Amino acid sequence: MKAVTKKQRMYEITFDQETVGCSNNSNILAAAKRNFLKLPYGCFNGGCGMCKIKIVAGDYEVGLSSKAALPDNEREKGYALACKTYPLSDLMVRVMGR
């Protein structure tokens, strides 16, 4: 059986006035850290909720995270955790914890 791998694509993530590159294989928090942007974070694992963001525009997918850190009603309104969010297009993001 063949392993299925996602083709890597690069996207632009815009945080307020800063724009950084991020591949679809990297989460938004990792891309921000690589580019020396100061986003709040704690566990880097979807459990604490400190890296909460609001996706203003664009397509993305999310990994598993704690419902306590990000309840379903917030997910439905476009909130996500930067440590568990992967771009599928260019994104405009608002950081909630600054």
PDB file of N, CA and C in Angstrom:
ATOM      1  N   MET A   1       0.843  -1.176   0.000  1.00  0.00           N
ATOM      2  CA  MET A   1       0.000   0.000   0.000  1.00  0.00           C
ATOM      3  C   MET A   1       0.893   1.245   0.000  1.00  0.00           C
ATOM      4  N   LYS A   2       0.531   2.233  -0.786  1.00  0.00           N
ATOM      5  CA  LYS A   2       1.286   3.482  -0.893  1.00  0.00           C
ATOM      6  C   LYS A   2       0.868   4.468   0.184  1.00  0.00           C
ATOM      7  N   ALA A   3       1.845   5.148   0.735  1.00  0.00           N
ATOM      8  CA  ALA A   3       1.536   6.223   1.682  1.00  0.00           C
ATOM      9  C   ALA A   3       1.056   7.441   0.900  1.00  0.00           C
ATOM     10  N   VAL A   4       0.030   8.074   1.402  1.00  0.00           N
ATOM     11  CA  VAL A   4      -0.506   9.270   0.760  1.00  0.00           C
ATOM     12  C   VAL A   4       0.096  10.486   1.458  1.00  0.00           C
ATOM     13  N   THR A   5       0.723  11.343   0.686  1.00  0.00           N
ATOM     14  CA  THR A   5       1.285  12.569   1.255  1.00  0.00           C
ATOM     15  C   THR A   5       0.641  13.771   0.589  1.00  0.00           C
ATOM     16  N   LYS A   6       0.466  14.801   1.379  1.00  0.00           N
ATOM     17  CA  LYS A   6      -0.101  16.041   0.871  1.00  0.00           C
ATOM     18  C   LYS A   6       0.971  16.824   0.142  1.00  0.00           C
ATOM     19  N   LYS A   7       0.644  17.334  -1.026  1.00  0.00           N
ATOM     20  CA  LYS A   7       1.581  18.193  -1.737  1.00  0.00           C
ATOM     21  C   LYS A   7       1.706  19.509  -0.973  1.00  0.00           C
ATOM     22  N   GLN A   8       2.942  19.900  -0.737  1.00  0.00           N
ATOM     23  CA  GLN A   8       3.169  21.130   0.027  1.00  0.00           C
ATOM     24  C   GLN A   8       2.854  22.353  -0.816  1.00  0.00           C
ATOM     25  N   ARG A   9       2.101  23.257  -0.230  1.00  0.00           N
ATOM     26  CA  ARG A   9       1.762  24.533  -0.859  1.00  0.00           C
ATOM     27  C   ARG A   9       2.064  25.640   0.143  1.00  0.00           C
ATOM     28  N   MET A  10       2.481  26.783  -0.364  1.00  0.00           N
ATOM     29  CA  MET A  10       2.780  27.931   0.496  1.00  0.00           C
ATOM     30  C   MET A  10       1.655  28.960   0.408  1.00  0.00           C
ATOM     31  N   TYR A  11       1.319  29.521   1.547  1.00  0.00           N
ATOM     32  CA  TYR A  11       0.285  30.539   1.633  1.00  0.00           C
ATOM     33  C   TYR A  11       0.791  31.713   2.460  1.00  0.00           C
ATOM     34  N   GLU A  12       0.103  32.836   2.349  1.00  0.00           N
ATOM     35  CA  GLU A  12       0.417  34.007   3.166  1.00  0.00           C
ATOM     36  C   GLU A  12      -0.609  34.122   4.286  1.00  0.00           C
ATOM     37  N   ILE A  13      -0.095  34.301   5.501  1.00  0.00           N
ATOM     38  CA  ILE A  13      -0.945  34.500   6.667  1.00  0.00           C
ATOM     39  C   ILE A  13      -0.732  35.937   7.131  1.00  0.00           C
ATOM     40  N   THR A  14      -1.802  36.724   7.157  1.00  0.00           N
ATOM     41  CA  THR A  14      -1.702  38.123   7.573  1.00  0.00           C
ATOM     42  C   THR A  14      -2.298  38.280   8.962  1.00  0.00           C
ATOM     43  N   PHE A  15      -1.445  38.741   9.899  1.00  0.00           N
ATOM     44  CA  PHE A  15      -1.833  39.048  11.277  1.00  0.00           C
ATOM     45  C   PHE A  15      -1.797  40.566  11.399  1.00  0.00           C
ATOM     46  N   ASP A  16      -2.917  41.217  11.474  1.00  0.00           N
ATOM     47  CA  ASP A  16      -2.940  42.679  11.585  1.00  0.00           C
ATOM     48  C   ASP A  16      -2.067  43.284  10.481  1.00  0.00           C
ATOM     49  N   GLN A  17      -0.872  43.787  10.809  1.00  0.00           N
ATOM     50  CA  GLN A  17      -0.001  44.436   9.821  1.00  0.00           C
ATOM     51  C   GLN A  17       1.140  43.547   9.344  1.00  0.00           C
ATOM     52  N   GLU A  18       1.290  42.353   9.893  1.00  0.00           N
ATOM     53  CA  GLU A  18       2.398  41.458   9.550  1.00  0.00           C
ATOM     54  C   GLU A  18       1.906  40.319   8.670  1.00  0.00           C
ATOM     55  N   THR A  19       2.687  39.977   7.646  1.00  0.00           N
ATOM     56  CA  THR A  19       2.365  38.845   6.784  1.00  0.00           C
ATOM     57  C   THR A  19       3.547  37.889   6.778  1.00  0.00           C
ATOM     58  N   VAL A  20       3.252  36.591   6.969  1.00  0.00           N
ATOM     59  CA  VAL A  20       4.294  35.566   6.965  1.00  0.00           C
ATOM     60  C   VAL A  20       3.895  34.440   6.022  1.00  0.00           C
ATOM     61  N   GLY A  21       4.876  33.679   5.568  1.00  0.00           N
ATOM     62  CA  GLY A  21       4.611  32.506   4.749  1.00  0.00           C
ATOM     63  C   GLY A  21       4.341  31.300   5.632  1.00  0.00           C
ATOM     64  N   CYS A  22       3.458  30.429   5.179  1.00  0.00           N
ATOM     65  CA  CYS A  22       3.127  29.218   5.934  1.00  0.00           C
ATOM     66  C   CYS A  22       2.705  28.139   4.948  1.00  0.00           C
ATOM     67  N   SER A  23       3.271  26.957   5.074  1.00  0.00           N
ATOM     68  CA  SER A  23       2.858  25.856   4.207  1.00  0.00           C
ATOM     69  C   SER A  23       1.620  25.189   4.792  1.00  0.00           C
ATOM     70  N   ASN A  24       0.941  24.430   3.968  1.00  0.00           N
ATOM     71  CA  ASN A  24      -0.233  23.698   4.434  1.00  0.00           C
ATOM     72  C   ASN A  24       0.162  22.561   5.383  1.00  0.00           C
ATOM     73  N   ASN A  25       1.457  22.253   5.475  1.00  0.00           N
ATOM     74  CA  ASN A  25       1.944  21.212   6.384  1.00  0.00           C
ATOM     75  C   ASN A  25       2.385  21.776   7.728  1.00  0.00           C
ATOM     76  N   SER A  26       2.265  23.076   7.921  1.00  0.00           N
ATOM     77  CA  SER A  26       2.708  23.727   9.154  1.00  0.00           C
ATOM     78  C   SER A  26       1.529  24.450   9.792  1.00  0.00           C
ATOM     79  N   ASN A  27       1.480  24.440  11.122  1.00  0.00           N
ATOM     80  CA  ASN A  27       0.399  25.184  11.770  1.00  0.00           C
ATOM     81  C   ASN A  27       0.752  26.668  11.843  1.00  0.00           C
ATOM     82  N   ILE A  28      -0.248  27.480  12.052  1.00  0.00           N
ATOM     83  CA  ILE A  28      -0.086  28.933  12.037  1.00  0.00           C
ATOM     84  C   ILE A  28       0.838  29.407  13.157  1.00  0.00           C
ATOM     85  N   LEU A  29       0.756  28.800  14.325  1.00  0.00           N
ATOM     86  CA  LEU A  29       1.623  29.209  15.431  1.00  0.00           C
ATOM     87  C   LEU A  29       3.093  28.962  15.100  1.00  0.00           C
ATOM     88  N   ALA A  30       3.412  27.820  14.519  1.00  0.00           N
ATOM     89  CA  ALA A  30       4.802  27.517  14.153  1.00  0.00           C
ATOM     90  C   ALA A  30       5.326  28.519  13.129  1.00  0.00           C
ATOM     91  N   ALA A  31       4.496  28.880  12.156  1.00  0.00           N
ATOM     92  CA  ALA A  31       4.910  29.864  11.142  1.00  0.00           C
ATOM     93  C   ALA A  31       5.162  31.222  11.785  1.00  0.00           C
ATOM     94  N   ALA A  32       4.319  31.613  12.716  1.00  0.00           N
ATOM     95  CA  ALA A  32       4.498  32.896  13.402  1.00  0.00           C
ATOM     96  C   ALA A  32       5.800  32.896  14.205  1.00  0.00           C
ATOM     97  N   LYS A  33       6.057  31.814  14.918  1.00  0.00           N
ATOM     98  CA  LYS A  33       7.286  31.727  15.715  1.00  0.00           C
ATOM     99  C   LYS A  33       8.529  31.753  14.827  1.00  0.00           C
ATOM    100  N   ARG A  34       8.492  31.054  13.700  1.00  0.00           N
ATOM    101  CA  ARG A  34       9.633  31.051  12.764  1.00  0.00           C
ATOM    102  C   ARG A  34       9.953  32.453  12.261  1.00  0.00           C
ATOM    103  N   ASN A  35       8.925  33.287  12.204  1.00  0.00           N
ATOM    104  CA  ASN A  35       9.091  34.654  11.703  1.00  0.00           C
ATOM    105  C   ASN A  35       9.145  35.687  12.831  1.00  0.00           C
ATOM    106  N   PHE A  36       9.378  35.233  14.040  1.00  0.00           N
ATOM    107  CA  PHE A  36       9.586  36.088  15.213  1.00  0.00           C
ATOM    108  C   PHE A  36       8.384  36.958  15.570  1.00  0.00           C
ATOM    109  N   LEU A  37       7.178  36.502  15.217  1.00  0.00           N
ATOM    110  CA  LEU A  37       5.972  37.208  15.654  1.00  0.00           C
ATOM    111  C   LEU A  37       5.624  36.727  17.057  1.00  0.00           C
ATOM    112  N   LYS A  38       5.183  37.634  17.885  1.00  0.00           N
ATOM    113  CA  LYS A  38       4.868  37.285  19.266  1.00  0.00           C
ATOM    114  C   LYS A  38       3.384  36.986  19.396  1.00  0.00           C
ATOM    115  N   LEU A  39       3.048  35.711  19.307  1.00  0.00           N
ATOM    116  CA  LEU A  39       1.691  35.254  19.559  1.00  0.00           C
ATOM    117  C   LEU A  39       1.691  34.563  20.912  1.00  0.00           C
ATOM    118  N   PRO A  40       0.643  34.775  21.708  1.00  0.00           N
ATOM    119  CA  PRO A  40       0.585  34.078  22.989  1.00  0.00           C
ATOM    120  C   PRO A  40       0.364  32.582  22.764  1.00  0.00           C
ATOM    121  N   TYR A  41       1.014  31.768  23.565  1.00  0.00           N
ATOM    122  CA  TYR A  41       0.795  30.325  23.520  1.00  0.00           C
ATOM    123  C   TYR A  41       1.244  29.724  24.843  1.00  0.00           C
ATOM    124  N   GLY A  42       0.756  28.530  25.119  1.00  0.00           N
ATOM    125  CA  GLY A  42       1.132  27.840  26.345  1.00  0.00           C
ATOM    126  C   GLY A  42       1.615  26.439  26.047  1.00  0.00           C
ATOM    127  N   CYS A  43       0.687  25.573  25.702  1.00  0.00           N
ATOM    128  CA  CYS A  43       1.012  24.150  25.587  1.00  0.00           C
ATOM    129  C   CYS A  43       1.479  23.721  24.201  1.00  0.00           C
ATOM    130  N   PHE A  44       1.149  24.478  23.154  1.00  0.00           N
ATOM    131  CA  PHE A  44       1.477  24.136  21.762  1.00  0.00           C
ATOM    132  C   PHE A  44       0.819  22.823  21.342  1.00  0.00           C
ATOM    133  N   ASN A  45      -0.262  22.443  22.035  1.00  0.00           N
ATOM    134  CA  ASN A  45      -0.857  21.129  21.796  1.00  0.00           C
ATOM    135  C   ASN A  45      -2.384  21.138  21.760  1.00  0.00           C
ATOM    136  N   GLY A  46      -3.016  22.301  21.687  1.00  0.00           N
ATOM    137  CA  GLY A  46      -4.467  22.363  21.589  1.00  0.00           C
ATOM    138  C   GLY A  46      -5.212  22.215  22.897  1.00  0.00           C
ATOM    139  N   GLY A  47      -4.518  22.331  24.026  1.00  0.00           N
ATOM    140  CA  GLY A  47      -5.172  22.107  25.301  1.00  0.00           C
ATOM    141  C   GLY A  47      -5.433  23.338  26.142  1.00  0.00           C
ATOM    142  N   CYS A  48      -4.654  24.404  25.957  1.00  0.00           N
ATOM    143  CA  CYS A  48      -4.766  25.542  26.882  1.00  0.00           C
ATOM    144  C   CYS A  48      -5.618  26.690  26.335  1.00  0.00           C
ATOM    145  N   GLY A  49      -5.681  26.866  25.028  1.00  0.00           N
ATOM    146  CA  GLY A  49      -6.482  27.934  24.430  1.00  0.00           C
ATOM    147  C   GLY A  49      -5.816  29.290  24.367  1.00  0.00           C
ATOM    148  N   MET A  50      -4.569  29.393  24.812  1.00  0.00           N
ATOM    149  CA  MET A  50      -3.896  30.701  24.822  1.00  0.00           C
ATOM    150  C   MET A  50      -3.624  31.244  23.424  1.00  0.00           C
ATOM    151  N   CYS A  51      -3.506  30.375  22.427  1.00  0.00           N
ATOM    152  CA  CYS A  51      -3.179  30.818  21.061  1.00  0.00           C
ATOM    153  C   CYS A  51      -4.433  31.018  20.206  1.00  0.00           C
ATOM    154  N   LYS A  52      -5.552  31.334  20.845  1.00  0.00           N
ATOM    155  CA  LYS A  52      -6.817  31.504  20.124  1.00  0.00           C
ATOM    156  C   LYS A  52      -6.718  32.644  19.111  1.00  0.00           C
ATOM    157  N   ILE A  53      -7.214  32.374  17.923  1.00  0.00           N
ATOM    158  CA  ILE A  53      -7.247  33.356  16.841  1.00  0.00           C
ATOM    159  C   ILE A  53      -8.646  33.373  16.239  1.00  0.00           C
ATOM    160  N   LYS A  54      -8.922  34.409  15.492  1.00  0.00           N
ATOM    161  CA  LYS A  54     -10.168  34.492  14.707  1.00  0.00           C
ATOM    162  C   LYS A  54      -9.748  34.528  13.250  1.00  0.00           C
ATOM    163  N   ILE A  55     -10.253  33.591  12.459  1.00  0.00           N
ATOM    164  CA  ILE A  55      -9.972  33.577  11.029  1.00  0.00           C
ATOM    165  C   ILE A  55     -10.950  34.550  10.380  1.00  0.00           C
ATOM    166  N   VAL A  56     -10.427  35.638   9.847  1.00  0.00           N
ATOM    167  CA  VAL A  56     -11.253  36.683   9.248  1.00  0.00           C
ATOM    168  C   VAL A  56     -11.579  36.342   7.800  1.00  0.00           C
ATOM    169  N   ALA A  57     -10.613  35.752   7.090  1.00  0.00           N
ATOM    170  CA  ALA A  57     -10.821  35.387   5.687  1.00  0.00           C
ATOM    171  C   ALA A  57      -9.894  34.240   5.325  1.00  0.00           C
ATOM    172  N   GLY A  58     -10.385  33.350   4.461  1.00  0.00           N
ATOM    173  CA  GLY A  58      -9.572  32.259   3.950  1.00  0.00           C
ATOM    174  C   GLY A  58     -10.072  30.893   4.387  1.00  0.00           C
ATOM    175  N   ASP A  59      -9.464  29.874   3.801  1.00  0.00           N
ATOM    176  CA  ASP A  59      -9.833  28.486   4.076  1.00  0.00           C
ATOM    177  C   ASP A  59      -8.729  27.816   4.880  1.00  0.00           C
ATOM    178  N   TYR A  60      -9.135  26.932   5.775  1.00  0.00           N
ATOM    179  CA  TYR A  60      -8.186  26.279   6.672  1.00  0.00           C
ATOM    180  C   TYR A  60      -8.767  24.961   7.161  1.00  0.00           C
ATOM    181  N   GLU A  61      -7.895  24.138   7.753  1.00  0.00           N
ATOM    182  CA  GLU A  61      -8.355  22.935   8.426  1.00  0.00           C
ATOM    183  C   GLU A  61      -7.765  22.930   9.824  1.00  0.00           C
ATOM    184  N   VAL A  62      -8.438  22.239  10.728  1.00  0.00           N
ATOM    185  CA  VAL A  62      -7.979  22.218  12.114  1.00  0.00           C
ATOM    186  C   VAL A  62      -7.747  20.786  12.573  1.00  0.00           C
ATOM    187  N   GLY A  63      -6.766  20.644  13.453  1.00  0.00           N
ATOM    188  CA  GLY A  63      -6.506  19.367  14.103  1.00  0.00           C
ATOM    189  C   GLY A  63      -7.330  19.269  15.381  1.00  0.00           C
ATOM    190  N   LEU A  64      -7.125  18.195  16.118  1.00  0.00           N
ATOM    191  CA  LEU A  64      -7.852  17.975  17.361  1.00  0.00           C
ATOM    192  C   LEU A  64      -7.392  18.936  18.446  1.00  0.00           C
ATOM    193  N   SER A  65      -8.349  19.415  19.224  1.00  0.00           N
ATOM    194  CA  SER A  65      -8.037  20.274  20.366  1.00  0.00           C
ATOM    195  C   SER A  65      -9.099  20.066  21.433  1.00  0.00           C
ATOM    196  N   SER A  66      -8.816  20.546  22.617  1.00  0.00           N
ATOM    197  CA  SER A  66      -9.723  20.428  23.746  1.00  0.00           C
ATOM    198  C   SER A  66     -10.964  21.299  23.531  1.00  0.00           C
ATOM    199  N   LYS A  67     -12.143  20.745  23.826  1.00  0.00           N
ATOM    200  CA  LYS A  67     -13.372  21.540  23.733  1.00  0.00           C
ATOM    201  C   LYS A  67     -13.407  22.614  24.814  1.00  0.00           C
ATOM    202  N   ALA A  68     -12.682  22.404  25.901  1.00  0.00           N
ATOM    203  CA  ALA A  68     -12.595  23.435  26.940  1.00  0.00           C
ATOM    204  C   ALA A  68     -11.799  24.631  26.425  1.00  0.00           C
ATOM    205  N   ALA A  69     -10.771  24.368  25.615  1.00  0.00           N
ATOM    206  CA  ALA A  69      -9.947  25.444  25.059  1.00  0.00           C
ATOM    207  C   ALA A  69     -10.666  26.175  23.933  1.00  0.00           C
ATOM    208  N   LEU A  70     -11.490  25.449  23.181  1.00  0.00           N
ATOM    209  CA  LEU A  70     -12.211  26.049  22.054  1.00  0.00           C
ATOM    210  C   LEU A  70     -13.558  25.341  21.888  1.00  0.00           C
ATOM    211  N   PRO A  71     -14.601  25.864  22.540  1.00  0.00           N
ATOM    212  CA  PRO A  71     -15.929  25.249  22.449  1.00  0.00           C
ATOM    213  C   PRO A  71     -16.494  25.295  21.021  1.00  0.00           C
ATOM    214  N   ASP A  72     -17.421  24.394  20.741  1.00  0.00           N
ATOM    215  CA  ASP A  72     -18.022  24.302  19.405  1.00  0.00           C
ATOM    216  C   ASP A  72     -18.632  25.618  18.940  1.00  0.00           C
ATOM    217  N   ASN A  73     -19.288  26.360  19.841  1.00  0.00           N
ATOM    218  CA  ASN A  73     -19.925  27.616  19.414  1.00  0.00           C
ATOM    219  C   ASN A  73     -18.885  28.636  18.943  1.00  0.00           C
ATOM    220  N   GLU A  74     -17.676  28.607  19.493  1.00  0.00           N
ATOM    221  CA  GLU A  74     -16.618  29.504  19.023  1.00  0.00           C
ATOM    222  C   GLU A  74     -16.058  29.027  17.682  1.00  0.00           C
ATOM    223  N   ARG A  75     -15.917  27.721  17.526  1.00  0.00           N
ATOM    224  CA  ARG A  75     -15.446  27.169  16.240  1.00  0.00           C
ATOM    225  C   ARG A  75     -16.375  27.605  15.104  1.00  0.00           C
ATOM    226  N   GLU A  76     -17.675  27.544  15.372  1.00  0.00           N
ATOM    227  CA  GLU A  76     -18.667  27.911  14.360  1.00  0.00           C
ATOM    228  C   GLU A  76     -18.585  29.386  13.976  1.00  0.00           C
ATOM    229  N   LYS A  77     -18.049  30.219  14.850  1.00  0.00           N
ATOM    230  CA  LYS A  77     -17.912  31.655  14.580  1.00  0.00           C
ATOM    231  C   LYS A  77     -16.561  32.003  13.963  1.00  0.00           C
ATOM    232  N   GLY A  78     -15.751  30.985  13.633  1.00  0.00           N
ATOM    233  CA  GLY A  78     -14.475  31.241  12.969  1.00  0.00           C
ATOM    234  C   GLY A  78     -13.269  31.323  13.878  1.00  0.00           C
ATOM    235  N   TYR A  79     -13.451  31.006  15.152  1.00  0.00           N
ATOM    236  CA  TYR A  79     -12.308  30.982  16.064  1.00  0.00           C
ATOM    237  C   TYR A  79     -11.567  29.658  15.903  1.00  0.00           C
ATOM    238  N   ALA A  80     -10.273  29.691  16.158  1.00  0.00           N
ATOM    239  CA  ALA A  80      -9.443  28.495  16.040  1.00  0.00           C
ATOM    240  C   ALA A  80      -8.245  28.647  16.971  1.00  0.00           C
ATOM    241  N   LEU A  81      -7.508  27.575  17.151  1.00  0.00           N
ATOM    242  CA  LEU A  81      -6.259  27.623  17.902  1.00  0.00           C
ATOM    243  C   LEU A  81      -5.123  27.613  16.894  1.00  0.00           C
ATOM    244  N   ALA A  82      -4.239  28.595  16.986  1.00  0.00           N
ATOM    245  CA  ALA A  82      -3.148  28.724  16.009  1.00  0.00           C
ATOM    246  C   ALA A  82      -2.278  27.476  15.963  1.00  0.00           C
ATOM    247  N   CYS A  83      -2.139  26.784  17.097  1.00  0.00           N
ATOM    248  CA  CYS A  83      -1.283  25.595  17.141  1.00  0.00           C
ATOM    249  C   CYS A  83      -1.901  24.395  16.437  1.00  0.00           C
ATOM    250  N   LYS A  84      -3.176  24.458  16.115  1.00  0.00           N
ATOM    251  CA  LYS A  84      -3.870  23.339  15.476  1.00  0.00           C
ATOM    252  C   LYS A  84      -4.564  23.741  14.177  1.00  0.00           C
ATOM    253  N   THR A  85      -4.146  24.866  13.591  1.00  0.00           N
ATOM    254  CA  THR A  85      -4.788  25.374  12.378  1.00  0.00           C
ATOM    255  C   THR A  85      -3.791  25.410  11.230  1.00  0.00           C
ATOM    256  N   TYR A  86      -4.193  24.827  10.096  1.00  0.00           N
ATOM    257  CA  TYR A  86      -3.345  24.687   8.914  1.00  0.00           C
ATOM    258  C   TYR A  86      -4.014  25.386   7.730  1.00  0.00           C
ATOM    259  N   PRO A  87      -3.295  26.247   7.020  1.00  0.00           N
ATOM    260  CA  PRO A  87      -3.917  26.992   5.918  1.00  0.00           C
ATOM    261  C   PRO A  87      -4.194  26.121   4.695  1.00  0.00           C
ATOM    262  N   LEU A  88      -5.292  26.428   4.025  1.00  0.00           N
ATOM    263  CA  LEU A  88      -5.629  25.839   2.724  1.00  0.00           C
ATOM    264  C   LEU A  88      -5.697  26.928   1.660  1.00  0.00           C
ATOM    265  N   SER A  89      -5.478  28.177   2.082  1.00  0.00           N
ATOM    266  CA  SER A  89      -5.442  29.343   1.196  1.00  0.00           C
ATOM    267  C   SER A  89      -4.730  30.450   1.973  1.00  0.00           C
ATOM    268  N   ASP A  90      -4.558  31.611   1.354  1.00  0.00           N
ATOM    269  CA  ASP A  90      -4.071  32.763   2.105  1.00  0.00           C
ATOM    270  C   ASP A  90      -5.107  33.077   3.184  1.00  0.00           C
ATOM    271  N   LEU A  91      -4.638  33.518   4.349  1.00  0.00           N
ATOM    272  CA  LEU A  91      -5.537  33.791   5.474  1.00  0.00           C
ATOM    273  C   LEU A  91      -5.331  35.189   6.031  1.00  0.00           C
ATOM    274  N   MET A  92      -6.418  35.755   6.529  1.00  0.00           N
ATOM    275  CA  MET A  92      -6.353  36.958   7.366  1.00  0.00           C
ATOM    276  C   MET A  92      -6.783  36.514   8.755  1.00  0.00           C
ATOM    277  N   VAL A  93      -5.927  36.822   9.752  1.00  0.00           N
ATOM    278  CA  VAL A  93      -6.115  36.310  11.101  1.00  0.00           C
ATOM    279  C   VAL A  93      -6.079  37.459  12.104  1.00  0.00           C
ATOM    280  N   ARG A  94      -6.949  37.392  13.098  1.00  0.00           N
ATOM    281  CA  ARG A  94      -6.910  38.334  14.219  1.00  0.00           C
ATOM    282  C   ARG A  94      -6.481  37.544  15.457  1.00  0.00           C
ATOM    283  N   VAL A  95      -5.442  38.014  16.129  1.00  0.00           N
ATOM    284  CA  VAL A  95      -4.952  37.357  17.341  1.00  0.00           C
ATOM    285  C   VAL A  95      -5.799  37.829  18.514  1.00  0.00           C
ATOM    286  N   MET A  96      -6.316  36.898  19.296  1.00  0.00           N
ATOM    287  CA  MET A  96      -7.238  37.248  20.375  1.00  0.00           C
ATOM    288  C   MET A  96      -6.533  37.510  21.701  1.00  0.00           C
ATOM    289  N   GLY A  97      -5.396  36.900  21.946  1.00  0.00           N
ATOM    290  CA  GLY A  97      -4.783  36.965  23.270  1.00  0.00           C
ATOM    291  C   GLY A  97      -3.759  38.061  23.482  1.00  0.00           C
ATOM    292  N   ARG A  98      -3.601  38.997  22.568  1.00  0.00           N
ATOM    293  CA  ARG A  98      -2.572  40.045  22.729  1.00  0.00           C
ATOM    294  C   ARG A  98      -2.973  41.062  23.756  1.00  0.00           C
TER     295      ARG A  98
END
